[in-house]
Amino acid sequence: VQNNFPWQNQANPLNVNNSSDNPLITAFDVLLVINELNNPQIMNPVTFILPVPSGSVAPPPFLDVTGDNMVTAFDALLVINFLNANP
């Protein structure tokens, strides 16, 4: 089975850092997305598209919360909204 969204955590899309600690979703997950947006290390800085994972450029972090193969502010917003709804 091919994973069409390799940069999205299939177990829990909001768990960007793939943590197994409780709570699974923390501000650190948001920070990983925001850091990539502010200083692109993985995504294309013009198109926001994530590359096909290979070698050392592979998840985690699972930066694609929305499942569109891109990193955008909406990815961070989904995690922020979850954290606000689940203090």
PDB file of N, CA and C in Angstrom:
ATOM      1  N   VAL A   1       0.842  -1.173   0.000  1.00  0.00           N
ATOM      2  CA  VAL A   1       0.000   0.000   0.000  1.00  0.00           C
ATOM      3  C   VAL A   1       0.887   1.236   0.000  1.00  0.00           C
ATOM      4  N   GLN A   2       0.680   2.100  -0.971  1.00  0.00           N
ATOM      5  CA  GLN A   2       1.475   3.314  -1.089  1.00  0.00           C
ATOM      6  C   GLN A   2       0.861   4.420  -0.234  1.00  0.00           C
ATOM      7  N   ASN A   3       1.700   5.106   0.519  1.00  0.00           N
ATOM      8  CA  ASN A   3       1.260   6.240   1.321  1.00  0.00           C
ATOM      9  C   ASN A   3       1.402   7.497   0.481  1.00  0.00           C
ATOM     10  N   ASN A   4       0.276   8.076   0.080  1.00  0.00           N
ATOM     11  CA  ASN A   4       0.304   9.277  -0.748  1.00  0.00           C
ATOM     12  C   ASN A   4       0.676  10.531   0.032  1.00  0.00           C
ATOM     13  N   PHE A   5       0.679  10.439   1.360  1.00  0.00           N
ATOM     14  CA  PHE A   5       0.999  11.579   2.206  1.00  0.00           C
ATOM     15  C   PHE A   5       2.073  11.173   3.214  1.00  0.00           C
ATOM     16  N   PRO A   6       3.299  10.953   2.754  1.00  0.00           N
ATOM     17  CA  PRO A   6       4.345  10.439   3.640  1.00  0.00           C
ATOM     18  C   PRO A   6       4.765  11.417   4.736  1.00  0.00           C
ATOM     19  N   TRP A   7       4.459  12.687   4.586  1.00  0.00           N
ATOM     20  CA  TRP A   7       4.828  13.686   5.592  1.00  0.00           C
ATOM     21  C   TRP A   7       3.702  13.919   6.593  1.00  0.00           C
ATOM     22  N   GLN A   8       2.649  13.097   6.528  1.00  0.00           N
ATOM     23  CA  GLN A   8       1.554  13.181   7.492  1.00  0.00           C
ATOM     24  C   GLN A   8       1.591  11.959   8.392  1.00  0.00           C
ATOM     25  N   ASN A   9       1.504  12.161   9.683  1.00  0.00           N
ATOM     26  CA  ASN A   9       1.486  11.062  10.636  1.00  0.00           C
ATOM     27  C   ASN A   9       0.168  10.317  10.485  1.00  0.00           C
ATOM     28  N   GLN A  10       0.226   9.106   9.992  1.00  0.00           N
ATOM     29  CA  GLN A  10      -0.984   8.332   9.729  1.00  0.00           C
ATOM     30  C   GLN A  10      -1.690   7.920  11.019  1.00  0.00           C
ATOM     31  N   ALA A  11      -0.953   7.774  12.104  1.00  0.00           N
ATOM     32  CA  ALA A  11      -1.554   7.386  13.384  1.00  0.00           C
ATOM     33  C   ALA A  11      -2.331   8.549  14.005  1.00  0.00           C
ATOM     34  N   ASN A  12      -1.799   9.772  13.885  1.00  0.00           N
ATOM     35  CA  ASN A  12      -2.444  10.970  14.419  1.00  0.00           C
ATOM     36  C   ASN A  12      -1.813  12.174  13.725  1.00  0.00           C
ATOM     37  N   PRO A  13      -2.487  12.757  12.738  1.00  0.00           N
ATOM     38  CA  PRO A  13      -1.900  13.854  11.971  1.00  0.00           C
ATOM     39  C   PRO A  13      -1.434  15.045  12.804  1.00  0.00           C
ATOM     40  N   LEU A  14      -2.019  15.250  13.985  1.00  0.00           N
ATOM     41  CA  LEU A  14      -1.632  16.375  14.831  1.00  0.00           C
ATOM     42  C   LEU A  14      -0.338  16.120  15.594  1.00  0.00           C
ATOM     43  N   ASN A  15       0.087  14.884  15.658  1.00  0.00           N
ATOM     44  CA  ASN A  15       1.297  14.488  16.386  1.00  0.00           C
ATOM     45  C   ASN A  15       2.509  14.658  15.464  1.00  0.00           C
ATOM     46  N   VAL A  16       2.912  15.897  15.272  1.00  0.00           N
ATOM     47  CA  VAL A  16       3.961  16.257  14.315  1.00  0.00           C
ATOM     48  C   VAL A  16       5.293  15.599  14.656  1.00  0.00           C
ATOM     49  N   ASN A  17       5.651  15.569  15.929  1.00  0.00           N
ATOM     50  CA  ASN A  17       6.954  15.010  16.306  1.00  0.00           C
ATOM     51  C   ASN A  17       6.903  13.506  16.573  1.00  0.00           C
ATOM     52  N   ASN A  18       5.731  12.896  16.387  1.00  0.00           N
ATOM     53  CA  ASN A  18       5.549  11.450  16.554  1.00  0.00           C
ATOM     54  C   ASN A  18       5.875  10.994  17.975  1.00  0.00           C
ATOM     55  N   SER A  19       5.515  11.821  18.942  1.00  0.00           N
ATOM     56  CA  SER A  19       5.763  11.526  20.341  1.00  0.00           C
ATOM     57  C   SER A  19       4.889  10.376  20.821  1.00  0.00           C
ATOM     58  N   SER A  20       5.436   9.589  21.721  1.00  0.00           N
ATOM     59  CA  SER A  20       4.641   8.532  22.349  1.00  0.00           C
ATOM     60  C   SER A  20       4.322   8.893  23.797  1.00  0.00           C
ATOM     61  N   ASP A  21       4.786  10.074  24.233  1.00  0.00           N
ATOM     62  CA  ASP A  21       4.526  10.547  25.601  1.00  0.00           C
ATOM     63  C   ASP A  21       3.118  11.130  25.692  1.00  0.00           C
ATOM     64  N   ASN A  22       2.592  11.159  26.903  1.00  0.00           N
ATOM     65  CA  ASN A  22       1.318  11.836  27.130  1.00  0.00           C
ATOM     66  C   ASN A  22       1.588  13.209  27.684  1.00  0.00           C
ATOM     67  N   PRO A  23       0.976  14.258  27.186  1.00  0.00           N
ATOM     68  CA  PRO A  23       0.041  14.221  26.060  1.00  0.00           C
ATOM     69  C   PRO A  23       0.785  14.081  24.727  1.00  0.00           C
ATOM     70  N   LEU A  24       0.118  13.467  23.766  1.00  0.00           N
ATOM     71  CA  LEU A  24       0.735  13.275  22.447  1.00  0.00           C
ATOM     72  C   LEU A  24       0.905  14.596  21.713  1.00  0.00           C
ATOM     73  N   ILE A  25      -0.080  15.474  21.849  1.00  0.00           N
ATOM     74  CA  ILE A  25      -0.080  16.746  21.126  1.00  0.00           C
ATOM     75  C   ILE A  25       0.286  17.870  22.100  1.00  0.00           C
ATOM     76  N   THR A  26       1.359  18.598  21.766  1.00  0.00           N
ATOM     77  CA  THR A  26       1.817  19.687  22.629  1.00  0.00           C
ATOM     78  C   THR A  26       2.187  20.900  21.771  1.00  0.00           C
ATOM     79  N   ALA A  27       2.556  21.974  22.441  1.00  0.00           N
ATOM     80  CA  ALA A  27       2.989  23.178  21.735  1.00  0.00           C
ATOM     81  C   ALA A  27       4.231  22.918  20.885  1.00  0.00           C
ATOM     82  N   PHE A  28       5.013  21.914  21.246  1.00  0.00           N
ATOM     83  CA  PHE A  28       6.200  21.583  20.453  1.00  0.00           C
ATOM     84  C   PHE A  28       5.816  21.159  19.035  1.00  0.00           C
ATOM     85  N   ASP A  29       4.670  20.501  18.885  1.00  0.00           N
ATOM     86  CA  ASP A  29       4.200  20.119  17.546  1.00  0.00           C
ATOM     87  C   ASP A  29       3.940  21.355  16.695  1.00  0.00           C
ATOM     88  N   VAL A  30       3.326  22.374  17.286  1.00  0.00           N
ATOM     89  CA  VAL A  30       3.084  23.631  16.578  1.00  0.00           C
ATOM     90  C   VAL A  30       4.415  24.300  16.240  1.00  0.00           C
ATOM     91  N   LEU A  31       5.314  24.310  17.187  1.00  0.00           N
ATOM     92  CA  LEU A  31       6.608  24.955  17.004  1.00  0.00           C
ATOM     93  C   LEU A  31       7.385  24.354  15.831  1.00  0.00           C
ATOM     94  N   LEU A  32       7.321  23.050  15.657  1.00  0.00           N
ATOM     95  CA  LEU A  32       8.009  22.407  14.532  1.00  0.00           C
ATOM     96  C   LEU A  32       7.482  22.921  13.198  1.00  0.00           C
ATOM     97  N   VAL A  33       6.175  23.066  13.085  1.00  0.00           N
ATOM     98  CA  VAL A  33       5.578  23.575  11.842  1.00  0.00           C
ATOM     99  C   VAL A  33       5.955  25.036  11.645  1.00  0.00           C
ATOM    100  N   ILE A  34       5.833  25.844  12.687  1.00  0.00           N
ATOM    101  CA  ILE A  34       6.154  27.266  12.586  1.00  0.00           C
ATOM    102  C   ILE A  34       7.630  27.482  12.240  1.00  0.00           C
ATOM    103  N   ASN A  35       8.506  26.701  12.839  1.00  0.00           N
ATOM    104  CA  ASN A  35       9.934  26.816  12.515  1.00  0.00           C
ATOM    105  C   ASN A  35      10.203  26.504  11.054  1.00  0.00           C
ATOM    106  N   GLU A  36       9.535  25.504  10.514  1.00  0.00           N
ATOM    107  CA  GLU A  36       9.723  25.178   9.090  1.00  0.00           C
ATOM    108  C   GLU A  36       9.198  26.299   8.205  1.00  0.00           C
ATOM    109  N   LEU A  37       8.087  26.909   8.599  1.00  0.00           N
ATOM    110  CA  LEU A  37       7.543  28.020   7.819  1.00  0.00           C
ATOM    111  C   LEU A  37       8.482  29.229   7.848  1.00  0.00           C
ATOM    112  N   ASN A  38       9.069  29.497   9.011  1.00  0.00           N
ATOM    113  CA  ASN A  38       9.949  30.666   9.162  1.00  0.00           C
ATOM    114  C   ASN A  38      11.330  30.469   8.577  1.00  0.00           C
ATOM    115  N   ASN A  39      11.805  29.233   8.583  1.00  0.00           N
ATOM    116  CA  ASN A  39      13.153  28.929   8.104  1.00  0.00           C
ATOM    117  C   ASN A  39      13.129  27.572   7.395  1.00  0.00           C
ATOM    118  N   PRO A  40      12.661  27.552   6.150  1.00  0.00           N
ATOM    119  CA  PRO A  40      12.487  26.278   5.448  1.00  0.00           C
ATOM    120  C   PRO A  40      13.782  25.470   5.348  1.00  0.00           C
ATOM    121  N   GLN A  41      13.723  24.264   5.884  1.00  0.00           N
ATOM    122  CA  GLN A  41      14.830  23.324   5.805  1.00  0.00           C
ATOM    123  C   GLN A  41      14.467  22.117   4.950  1.00  0.00           C
ATOM    124  N   ILE A  42      13.182  21.834   4.848  1.00  0.00           N
ATOM    125  CA  ILE A  42      12.712  20.640   4.152  1.00  0.00           C
ATOM    126  C   ILE A  42      11.832  21.010   2.960  1.00  0.00           C
ATOM    127  N   MET A  43      10.852  21.876   3.171  1.00  0.00           N
ATOM    128  CA  MET A  43       9.908  22.232   2.110  1.00  0.00           C
ATOM    129  C   MET A  43      10.546  23.166   1.093  1.00  0.00           C
ATOM    130  N   ASN A  44       9.934  23.229  -0.081  1.00  0.00           N
ATOM    131  CA  ASN A  44      10.332  24.210  -1.073  1.00  0.00           C
ATOM    132  C   ASN A  44       9.850  25.572  -0.575  1.00  0.00           C
ATOM    133  N   PRO A  45      10.743  26.556  -0.411  1.00  0.00           N
ATOM    134  CA  PRO A  45      10.346  27.839   0.182  1.00  0.00           C
ATOM    135  C   PRO A  45       9.423  28.682  -0.696  1.00  0.00           C
ATOM    136  N   VAL A  46       9.299  28.335  -1.961  1.00  0.00           N
ATOM    137  CA  VAL A  46       8.434  29.091  -2.864  1.00  0.00           C
ATOM    138  C   VAL A  46       7.054  28.444  -2.972  1.00  0.00           C
ATOM    139  N   THR A  47       7.028  27.123  -3.126  1.00  0.00           N
ATOM    140  CA  THR A  47       5.756  26.421  -3.339  1.00  0.00           C
ATOM    141  C   THR A  47       5.193  25.800  -2.064  1.00  0.00           C
ATOM    142  N   PHE A  48       6.003  25.715  -1.006  1.00  0.00           N
ATOM    143  CA  PHE A  48       5.640  25.085   0.267  1.00  0.00           C
ATOM    144  C   PHE A  48       5.474  23.567   0.166  1.00  0.00           C
ATOM    145  N   ILE A  49       5.814  22.987  -0.969  1.00  0.00           N
ATOM    146  CA  ILE A  49       5.661  21.549  -1.194  1.00  0.00           C
ATOM    147  C   ILE A  49       6.801  20.788  -0.538  1.00  0.00           C
ATOM    148  N   LEU A  50       6.436  19.675   0.092  1.00  0.00           N
ATOM    149  CA  LEU A  50       7.430  18.808   0.729  1.00  0.00           C
ATOM    150  C   LEU A  50       7.980  17.821  -0.301  1.00  0.00           C
ATOM    151  N   PRO A  51       9.267  17.487  -0.217  1.00  0.00           N
ATOM    152  CA  PRO A  51       9.863  16.566  -1.177  1.00  0.00           C
ATOM    153  C   PRO A  51       9.456  15.121  -0.882  1.00  0.00           C
ATOM    154  N   VAL A  52       9.725  14.269  -1.834  1.00  0.00           N
ATOM    155  CA  VAL A  52       9.560  12.836  -1.598  1.00  0.00           C
ATOM    156  C   VAL A  52      10.622  12.439  -0.577  1.00  0.00           C
ATOM    157  N   PRO A  53      10.215  11.802   0.523  1.00  0.00           N
ATOM    158  CA  PRO A  53      11.203  11.437   1.548  1.00  0.00           C
ATOM    159  C   PRO A  53      12.280  10.505   1.006  1.00  0.00           C
ATOM    160  N   SER A  54      13.516  10.795   1.397  1.00  0.00           N
ATOM    161  CA  SER A  54      14.634   9.926   1.025  1.00  0.00           C
ATOM    162  C   SER A  54      15.816  10.225   1.941  1.00  0.00           C
ATOM    163  N   GLY A  55      16.538   9.201   2.296  1.00  0.00           N
ATOM    164  CA  GLY A  55      17.735   9.365   3.109  1.00  0.00           C
ATOM    165  C   GLY A  55      17.472  10.114   4.400  1.00  0.00           C
ATOM    166  N   SER A  56      18.229  11.179   4.629  1.00  0.00           N
ATOM    167  CA  SER A  56      18.105  11.942   5.872  1.00  0.00           C
ATOM    168  C   SER A  56      16.956  12.950   5.826  1.00  0.00           C
ATOM    169  N   VAL A  57      16.336  13.119   4.655  1.00  0.00           N
ATOM    170  CA  VAL A  57      15.196  14.033   4.529  1.00  0.00           C
ATOM    171  C   VAL A  57      13.921  13.201   4.530  1.00  0.00           C
ATOM    172  N   ALA A  58      13.525  12.796   5.731  1.00  0.00           N
ATOM    173  CA  ALA A  58      12.339  11.960   5.896  1.00  0.00           C
ATOM    174  C   ALA A  58      11.747  12.228   7.271  1.00  0.00           C
ATOM    175  N   PRO A  59      10.437  11.989   7.415  1.00  0.00           N
ATOM    176  CA  PRO A  59       9.817  12.222   8.719  1.00  0.00           C
ATOM    177  C   PRO A  59      10.288  11.225   9.759  1.00  0.00           C
ATOM    178  N   PRO A  60      10.137  11.511  11.052  1.00  0.00           N
ATOM    179  CA  PRO A  60       9.565  12.740  11.577  1.00  0.00           C
ATOM    180  C   PRO A  60      10.531  13.912  11.497  1.00  0.00           C
ATOM    181  N   PRO A  61      10.093  15.125  11.595  1.00  0.00           N
ATOM    182  CA  PRO A  61       8.750  15.534  11.951  1.00  0.00           C
ATOM    183  C   PRO A  61       7.767  15.363  10.792  1.00  0.00           C
ATOM    184  N   PHE A  62       6.536  15.061  11.164  1.00  0.00           N
ATOM    185  CA  PHE A  62       5.449  14.926  10.200  1.00  0.00           C
ATOM    186  C   PHE A  62       4.801  16.298  10.044  1.00  0.00           C
ATOM    187  N   LEU A  63       5.341  17.103   9.155  1.00  0.00           N
ATOM    188  CA  LEU A  63       4.960  18.509   9.021  1.00  0.00           C
ATOM    189  C   LEU A  63       3.643  18.743   8.293  1.00  0.00           C
ATOM    190  N   ASP A  64       3.127  17.734   7.614  1.00  0.00           N
ATOM    191  CA  ASP A  64       1.921  17.882   6.795  1.00  0.00           C
ATOM    192  C   ASP A  64       0.678  17.440   7.574  1.00  0.00           C
ATOM    193  N   VAL A  65       0.180  18.300   8.423  1.00  0.00           N
ATOM    194  CA  VAL A  65      -0.975  17.973   9.258  1.00  0.00           C
ATOM    195  C   VAL A  65      -2.228  17.792   8.402  1.00  0.00           C
ATOM    196  N   THR A  66      -2.394  18.599   7.372  1.00  0.00           N
ATOM    197  CA  THR A  66      -3.618  18.580   6.562  1.00  0.00           C
ATOM    198  C   THR A  66      -3.643  17.485   5.502  1.00  0.00           C
ATOM    199  N   GLY A  67      -2.510  16.926   5.160  1.00  0.00           N
ATOM    200  CA  GLY A  67      -2.480  15.881   4.138  1.00  0.00           C
ATOM    201  C   GLY A  67      -2.530  16.410   2.719  1.00  0.00           C
ATOM    202  N   ASP A  68      -1.853  17.533   2.476  1.00  0.00           N
ATOM    203  CA  ASP A  68      -1.805  18.084   1.119  1.00  0.00           C
ATOM    204  C   ASP A  68      -0.390  18.137   0.557  1.00  0.00           C
ATOM    205  N   ASN A  69       0.554  17.488   1.249  1.00  0.00           N
ATOM    206  CA  ASN A  69       1.970  17.451   0.848  1.00  0.00           C
ATOM    207  C   ASN A  69       2.628  18.830   0.844  1.00  0.00           C
ATOM    208  N   MET A  70       2.089  19.717   1.686  1.00  0.00           N
ATOM    209  CA  MET A  70       2.629  21.060   1.817  1.00  0.00           C
ATOM    210  C   MET A  70       2.708  21.427   3.296  1.00  0.00           C
ATOM    211  N   VAL A  71       3.519  22.444   3.603  1.00  0.00           N
ATOM    212  CA  VAL A  71       3.554  23.022   4.949  1.00  0.00           C
ATOM    213  C   VAL A  71       3.010  24.436   4.828  1.00  0.00           C
ATOM    214  N   THR A  72       1.900  24.697   5.521  1.00  0.00           N
ATOM    215  CA  THR A  72       1.288  26.019   5.496  1.00  0.00           C
ATOM    216  C   THR A  72       0.875  26.400   6.916  1.00  0.00           C
ATOM    217  N   ALA A  73       0.453  27.643   7.077  1.00  0.00           N
ATOM    218  CA  ALA A  73      -0.014  28.106   8.381  1.00  0.00           C
ATOM    219  C   ALA A  73      -1.223  27.310   8.850  1.00  0.00           C
ATOM    220  N   PHE A  74      -1.995  26.756   7.916  1.00  0.00           N
ATOM    221  CA  PHE A  74      -3.166  25.963   8.294  1.00  0.00           C
ATOM    222  C   PHE A  74      -2.749  24.706   9.054  1.00  0.00           C
ATOM    223  N   ASP A  75      -1.592  24.144   8.726  1.00  0.00           N
ATOM    224  CA  ASP A  75      -1.083  22.981   9.471  1.00  0.00           C
ATOM    225  C   ASP A  75      -0.881  23.354  10.937  1.00  0.00           C
ATOM    226  N   ALA A  76      -0.267  24.501  11.171  1.00  0.00           N
ATOM    227  CA  ALA A  76      -0.054  24.961  12.550  1.00  0.00           C
ATOM    228  C   ALA A  76      -1.380  25.284  13.225  1.00  0.00           C
ATOM    229  N   LEU A  77      -2.290  25.912  12.488  1.00  0.00           N
ATOM    230  CA  LEU A  77      -3.573  26.313  13.063  1.00  0.00           C
ATOM    231  C   LEU A  77      -4.381  25.113  13.555  1.00  0.00           C
ATOM    232  N   LEU A  78      -4.353  24.011  12.842  1.00  0.00           N
ATOM    233  CA  LEU A  78      -5.091  22.823  13.281  1.00  0.00           C
ATOM    234  C   LEU A  78      -4.579  22.320  14.632  1.00  0.00           C
ATOM    235  N   VAL A  79      -3.264  22.345  14.808  1.00  0.00           N
ATOM    236  CA  VAL A  79      -2.696  21.901  16.089  1.00  0.00           C
ATOM    237  C   VAL A  79      -3.030  22.913  17.181  1.00  0.00           C
ATOM    238  N   ILE A  80      -2.932  24.192  16.881  1.00  0.00           N
ATOM    239  CA  ILE A  80      -3.276  25.229  17.855  1.00  0.00           C
ATOM    240  C   ILE A  80      -4.739  25.104  18.278  1.00  0.00           C
ATOM    241  N   ASN A  81      -5.629  24.911  17.329  1.00  0.00           N
ATOM    242  CA  ASN A  81      -7.057  24.772  17.653  1.00  0.00           C
ATOM    243  C   ASN A  81      -7.292  23.561  18.555  1.00  0.00           C
ATOM    244  N   PHE A  82      -6.595  22.463  18.279  1.00  0.00           N
ATOM    245  CA  PHE A  82      -6.729  21.273  19.136  1.00  0.00           C
ATOM    246  C   PHE A  82      -6.273  21.587  20.552  1.00  0.00           C
ATOM    247  N   LEU A  83      -5.129  22.240  20.681  1.00  0.00           N
ATOM    248  CA  LEU A  83      -4.598  22.572  22.001  1.00  0.00           C
ATOM    249  C   LEU A  83      -5.523  23.511  22.757  1.00  0.00           C
ATOM    250  N   ASN A  84      -6.120  24.475  22.058  1.00  0.00           N
ATOM    251  CA  ASN A  84      -7.049  25.396  22.699  1.00  0.00           C
ATOM    252  C   ASN A  84      -8.322  24.695  23.150  1.00  0.00           C
ATOM    253  N   ALA A  85      -8.760  23.698  22.406  1.00  0.00           N
ATOM    254  CA  ALA A  85      -9.973  22.962  22.758  1.00  0.00           C
ATOM    255  C   ALA A  85      -9.716  21.890  23.823  1.00  0.00           C
ATOM    256  N   ASN A  86      -8.448  21.532  24.029  1.00  0.00           N
ATOM    257  CA  ASN A  86      -8.083  20.475  24.972  1.00  0.00           C
ATOM    258  C   ASN A  86      -6.961  20.946  25.885  1.00  0.00           C
ATOM    259  N   PRO A  87      -7.263  21.921  26.770  1.00  0.00           N
ATOM    260  CA  PRO A  87      -6.189  22.477  27.621  1.00  0.00           C
ATOM    261  C   PRO A  87      -5.654  21.462  28.622  1.00  0.00           C
TER     262      PRO A  87
END
